[in-house]
Amino acid sequence: MAAAILDTGPLVAFFDASERRHAWAREQIARLDAPLLTCEAVVAEAMFLLRRDARAPAVLLELFEAGALRAPFRLSDQIQPVRTLLAKYRDRPISLADACLVRMAEIHNQLSILTLDSDFLIYRKHGDKPIAVISPDF
């Protein structure tokens, strides 16, 4: 299977066995080709949510070192498109991480977003095009 863009939910569920979607996240991530792409906002959210697991931060960083995860998105290079997405979806409300992932889906048009967030079924890339997602049934 092709690579994908990784959202916070599956990343946290991958590490946290108490998460309801833990097995699903591990199965999906194992099926996808490396590297999975993400953004630093997702990494920051995941680190915060995993703060009670002393091993998780080190293992997450090891995934980057091993090349299994990459964060090629630079917010400083994408300020205007991200600002536009934040304004467009302010009624959701959209997080910075979600806006960055939508922008990544525009840049990496062939990739799906691996997510547990049903908002990605509402968000649109390039203004009106649905985003391909890999997600459990909502």
C-alpha atoms as a PDB file:
ATOM      1  CA  MET A   1       0.000   0.000   0.000  1.00  0.00           C
ATOM      2  CA  ALA A   2       1.178   3.562  -0.620  1.00  0.00           C
ATOM      3  CA  ALA A   3       2.441   5.967   1.986  1.00  0.00           C
ATOM      4  CA  ALA A   4      -0.007   8.303   3.728  1.00  0.00           C
ATOM      5  CA  ILE A   5      -0.240  11.518   5.700  1.00  0.00           C
ATOM      6  CA  LEU A   6      -0.527  10.737   9.414  1.00  0.00           C
ATOM      7  CA  ASP A   7      -2.898  12.548  11.779  1.00  0.00           C
ATOM      8  CA  THR A   8      -2.611  12.725  15.566  1.00  0.00           C
ATOM      9  CA  GLY A   9      -5.335  10.209  16.431  1.00  0.00           C
ATOM     10  CA  PRO A  10      -3.810   7.153  14.779  1.00  0.00           C
ATOM     11  CA  LEU A  11      -0.344   8.143  15.984  1.00  0.00           C
ATOM     12  CA  VAL A  12      -1.519   8.288  19.597  1.00  0.00           C
ATOM     13  CA  ALA A  13      -3.573   5.093  19.197  1.00  0.00           C
ATOM     14  CA  PHE A  14      -0.502   3.347  17.741  1.00  0.00           C
ATOM     15  CA  PHE A  15       1.379   3.919  21.009  1.00  0.00           C
ATOM     16  CA  ASP A  16      -1.450   3.744  23.555  1.00  0.00           C
ATOM     17  CA  ALA A  17      -2.867   0.244  24.009  1.00  0.00           C
ATOM     18  CA  SER A  18      -5.768   1.675  26.012  1.00  0.00           C
ATOM     19  CA  GLU A  19      -7.016   3.615  22.993  1.00  0.00           C
ATOM     20  CA  ARG A  20     -10.153   2.153  21.426  1.00  0.00           C
ATOM     21  CA  ARG A  21      -8.575   2.196  17.939  1.00  0.00           C
ATOM     22  CA  HIS A  22      -5.165   0.855  19.021  1.00  0.00           C
ATOM     23  CA  ALA A  23      -5.334  -2.409  17.032  1.00  0.00           C
ATOM     24  CA  TRP A  24      -6.776  -0.635  13.994  1.00  0.00           C
ATOM     25  CA  ALA A  25      -4.021   2.019  14.057  1.00  0.00           C
ATOM     26  CA  ARG A  26      -1.252  -0.567  14.382  1.00  0.00           C
ATOM     27  CA  GLU A  27      -2.727  -2.606  11.521  1.00  0.00           C
ATOM     28  CA  GLN A  28      -3.077   0.407   9.218  1.00  0.00           C
ATOM     29  CA  ILE A  29       0.391   1.766   9.941  1.00  0.00           C
ATOM     30  CA  ALA A  30       1.912  -1.689   9.344  1.00  0.00           C
ATOM     31  CA  ARG A  31       0.177  -1.880   5.930  1.00  0.00           C
ATOM     32  CA  LEU A  32       1.395   1.511   4.705  1.00  0.00           C
ATOM     33  CA  ASP A  33       4.699   2.165   3.009  1.00  0.00           C
ATOM     34  CA  ALA A  34       7.279   4.203   4.885  1.00  0.00           C
ATOM     35  CA  PRO A  35       7.842   6.967   5.312  1.00  0.00           C
ATOM     36  CA  LEU A  36       4.551   8.233   6.606  1.00  0.00           C
ATOM     37  CA  LEU A  37       4.344  12.001   6.321  1.00  0.00           C
ATOM     38  CA  THR A  38       3.127  14.311   9.041  1.00  0.00           C
ATOM     39  CA  CYS A  39       3.702  17.814  10.340  1.00  0.00           C
ATOM     40  CA  GLU A  40       5.281  19.165  13.497  1.00  0.00           C
ATOM     41  CA  ALA A  41       1.877  20.315  14.825  1.00  0.00           C
ATOM     42  CA  VAL A  42       0.760  16.651  14.806  1.00  0.00           C
ATOM     43  CA  VAL A  43       3.970  15.602  16.546  1.00  0.00           C
ATOM     44  CA  ALA A  44       3.444  18.276  19.225  1.00  0.00           C
ATOM     45  CA  GLU A  45      -0.172  17.169  19.796  1.00  0.00           C
ATOM     46  CA  ALA A  46       0.870  13.519  19.984  1.00  0.00           C
ATOM     47  CA  MET A  47       3.707  14.236  22.425  1.00  0.00           C
ATOM     48  CA  PHE A  48       1.285  16.138  24.645  1.00  0.00           C
ATOM     49  CA  LEU A  49      -1.349  13.400  24.548  1.00  0.00           C
ATOM     50  CA  LEU A  50       1.271  10.698  25.208  1.00  0.00           C
ATOM     51  CA  ARG A  51       2.976  12.603  28.041  1.00  0.00           C
ATOM     52  CA  ARG A  52       2.048   9.949  30.641  1.00  0.00           C
ATOM     53  CA  ASP A  53       3.915   7.237  28.709  1.00  0.00           C
ATOM     54  CA  ALA A  54       7.584   7.748  29.522  1.00  0.00           C
ATOM     55  CA  ARG A  55       8.696   5.626  26.531  1.00  0.00           C
ATOM     56  CA  ALA A  56       6.520   7.213  23.836  1.00  0.00           C
ATOM     57  CA  PRO A  57       8.526  10.412  23.155  1.00  0.00           C
ATOM     58  CA  ALA A  58      11.776   8.508  22.649  1.00  0.00           C
ATOM     59  CA  VAL A  59      10.138   5.869  20.433  1.00  0.00           C
ATOM     60  CA  LEU A  60       8.370   8.542  18.393  1.00  0.00           C
ATOM     61  CA  LEU A  61      11.678  10.318  17.782  1.00  0.00           C
ATOM     62  CA  GLU A  62      13.284   6.990  16.885  1.00  0.00           C
ATOM     63  CA  LEU A  63      10.657   6.540  14.154  1.00  0.00           C
ATOM     64  CA  PHE A  64      11.876   9.822  12.650  1.00  0.00           C
ATOM     65  CA  GLU A  65      15.521   8.781  12.971  1.00  0.00           C
ATOM     66  CA  ALA A  66      14.777   5.448  11.298  1.00  0.00           C
ATOM     67  CA  GLY A  67      12.998   7.159   8.401  1.00  0.00           C
ATOM     68  CA  ALA A  68       9.594   5.615   9.147  1.00  0.00           C
ATOM     69  CA  LEU A  69       8.141   9.091   9.768  1.00  0.00           C
ATOM     70  CA  ARG A  70       8.978  12.388   8.085  1.00  0.00           C
ATOM     71  CA  ALA A  71       7.719  15.897   8.730  1.00  0.00           C
ATOM     72  CA  PRO A  72       8.532  17.756   5.506  1.00  0.00           C
ATOM     73  CA  PHE A  73       5.870  20.434   6.011  1.00  0.00           C
ATOM     74  CA  ARG A  74       7.199  23.870   6.946  1.00  0.00           C
ATOM     75  CA  LEU A  75       4.535  26.176   8.296  1.00  0.00           C
ATOM     76  CA  SER A  76       6.688  29.215   7.576  1.00  0.00           C
ATOM     77  CA  ASP A  77       6.526  28.313   3.860  1.00  0.00           C
ATOM     78  CA  GLN A  78       2.753  27.737   3.918  1.00  0.00           C
ATOM     79  CA  ILE A  79       1.396  30.575   6.081  1.00  0.00           C
ATOM     80  CA  GLN A  80      -1.090  31.985   3.577  1.00  0.00           C
ATOM     81  CA  PRO A  81      -2.720  28.681   2.526  1.00  0.00           C
ATOM     82  CA  VAL A  82      -2.937  27.576   6.177  1.00  0.00           C
ATOM     83  CA  ARG A  83      -4.397  30.953   7.175  1.00  0.00           C
ATOM     84  CA  THR A  84      -7.008  30.554   4.431  1.00  0.00           C
ATOM     85  CA  LEU A  85      -7.945  27.066   5.681  1.00  0.00           C
ATOM     86  CA  LEU A  86      -8.191  28.247   9.302  1.00  0.00           C
ATOM     87  CA  ALA A  87     -10.548  31.038   8.210  1.00  0.00           C
ATOM     88  CA  LYS A  88     -12.627  28.804   5.936  1.00  0.00           C
ATOM     89  CA  TYR A  89     -13.242  26.172   8.638  1.00  0.00           C
ATOM     90  CA  ARG A  90     -13.309  28.402  11.727  1.00  0.00           C
ATOM     91  CA  ASP A  91     -16.854  27.210  12.459  1.00  0.00           C
ATOM     92  CA  ARG A  92     -15.684  23.573  12.923  1.00  0.00           C
ATOM     93  CA  PRO A  93     -13.251  24.754  14.609  1.00  0.00           C
ATOM     94  CA  ILE A  94     -10.207  23.493  12.723  1.00  0.00           C
ATOM     95  CA  SER A  95      -6.949  22.960  14.598  1.00  0.00           C
ATOM     96  CA  LEU A  96      -3.589  24.123  13.318  1.00  0.00           C
ATOM     97  CA  ALA A  97      -2.586  20.479  12.872  1.00  0.00           C
ATOM     98  CA  ASP A  98      -5.687  19.742  10.777  1.00  0.00           C
ATOM     99  CA  ALA A  99      -5.119  22.819   8.605  1.00  0.00           C
ATOM    100  CA  CYS A 100      -1.513  21.746   8.030  1.00  0.00           C
ATOM    101  CA  LEU A 101      -2.660  18.229   7.085  1.00  0.00           C
ATOM    102  CA  VAL A 102      -5.235  19.575   4.629  1.00  0.00           C
ATOM    103  CA  ARG A 103      -2.486  21.684   3.072  1.00  0.00           C
ATOM    104  CA  MET A 104      -0.236  18.612   2.943  1.00  0.00           C
ATOM    105  CA  ALA A 105      -3.035  16.746   1.135  1.00  0.00           C
ATOM    106  CA  GLU A 106      -3.034  19.552  -1.428  1.00  0.00           C
ATOM    107  CA  ILE A 107       0.735  19.361  -1.858  1.00  0.00           C
ATOM    108  CA  HIS A 108       0.876  15.541  -1.851  1.00  0.00           C
ATOM    109  CA  ASN A 109      -2.269  15.129  -3.914  1.00  0.00           C
ATOM    110  CA  GLN A 110      -1.894  11.360  -4.377  1.00  0.00           C
ATOM    111  CA  LEU A 111      -1.723  10.576  -0.644  1.00  0.00           C
ATOM    112  CA  SER A 112      -4.576   9.815   1.743  1.00  0.00           C
ATOM    113  CA  ILE A 113      -4.773  11.048   5.318  1.00  0.00           C
ATOM    114  CA  LEU A 114      -4.736   8.338   7.989  1.00  0.00           C
ATOM    115  CA  THR A 115      -7.104   9.732  10.602  1.00  0.00           C
ATOM    116  CA  LEU A 116      -9.673   9.057  13.289  1.00  0.00           C
ATOM    117  CA  ASP A 117     -11.189  12.525  12.756  1.00  0.00           C
ATOM    118  CA  SER A 118     -14.451  12.664  10.788  1.00  0.00           C
ATOM    119  CA  ASP A 119     -13.862  16.365  10.069  1.00  0.00           C
ATOM    120  CA  PHE A 120     -11.577  15.268   7.232  1.00  0.00           C
ATOM    121  CA  LEU A 121     -14.720  14.097   5.439  1.00  0.00           C
ATOM    122  CA  ILE A 122     -15.886  17.731   5.491  1.00  0.00           C
ATOM    123  CA  TYR A 123     -12.606  19.524   4.794  1.00  0.00           C
ATOM    124  CA  ARG A 124     -11.783  20.068   1.133  1.00  0.00           C
ATOM    125  CA  LYS A 125      -8.471  20.432  -0.638  1.00  0.00           C
ATOM    126  CA  HIS A 126      -8.026  23.006  -3.376  1.00  0.00           C
ATOM    127  CA  GLY A 127     -11.296  24.560  -2.238  1.00  0.00           C
ATOM    128  CA  ASP A 128     -13.772  21.894  -3.334  1.00  0.00           C
ATOM    129  CA  LYS A 129     -12.125  18.479  -3.738  1.00  0.00           C
ATOM    130  CA  PRO A 130     -12.722  15.750  -1.155  1.00  0.00           C
ATOM    131  CA  ILE A 131      -9.716  14.493   0.755  1.00  0.00           C
ATOM    132  CA  ALA A 132      -8.956  10.779   0.493  1.00  0.00           C
ATOM    133  CA  VAL A 133      -8.919   9.322   3.987  1.00  0.00           C
ATOM    134  CA  ILE A 134      -8.032   6.039   5.571  1.00  0.00           C
ATOM    135  CA  SER A 135     -10.265   5.817   8.592  1.00  0.00           C
ATOM    136  CA  PRO A 136     -12.400   3.410  10.554  1.00  0.00           C
ATOM    137  CA  ASP A 137     -16.150   3.584  10.126  1.00  0.00           C
ATOM    138  CA  PHE A 138     -17.385   6.712  11.845  1.00  0.00           C
END
